[in-house]
Amino acid sequence: MILGLSVSAFTTLHVAISLIAIAAGLVVLYGMIRGMPMPMLNHLFLATTVATTLSGFLFPISGLTPALMTGLVSSILLGAALFAYYRAHLKGRWRGVYVVTAVAALYLNCFVLVVQSFQKLGVLQPLAPTQSEPPFLAAQGTVLLTFVLLGYLAFKRGRAAVAAN
């Protein structure tokens, strides 16, 4: 039991929150690139990304795992993003800090989505049973390169467009 839920129910809740965070984050990223402030979606993205990161720490942990390290890095990124957005109100360089940390946190969510997809989806699991095979590496490489490009565009175009409420 985790927070009064079976592990299965908690996992379903965690996945649902993660998917909402990714969907909201992708729309926010689009808005950053297009120069369209989206305060309500920024709030939703940050809230659900924090929720999915923190809920990930509630699963049974046995030692220092890649999942735990990803959660720790995400927590640091989100701490900076939250400060930039809610305390610094995106003034000055804090706009750039927000764009970089928010995009990096979104990338980590998508990175985990790819990992989990190859582990859990019957159609993908046989393609990369150890997650060191070319299909997995190609998928992760594509996600990384896509986020580097989109992150660059968001930083260049979106710093001035992100608006805090």
Foldseek 3Di string as FASTA:
>chain_A
DFPPDDPVVLVVVLVVLLVQLLVLLVVCLVCLLVLAADAVSVVSNLVSLVVSLVSLVRPDDDDDDPNNVLSVLLVVLSVLLCCLVPPVQLPDCSLLSNLLSSLVSSLSSVLVVLVVCCVPPPVNVVQCVPCPHPVNVVVNVVSVVVSVVSSVSSSVRRSVRHGHD
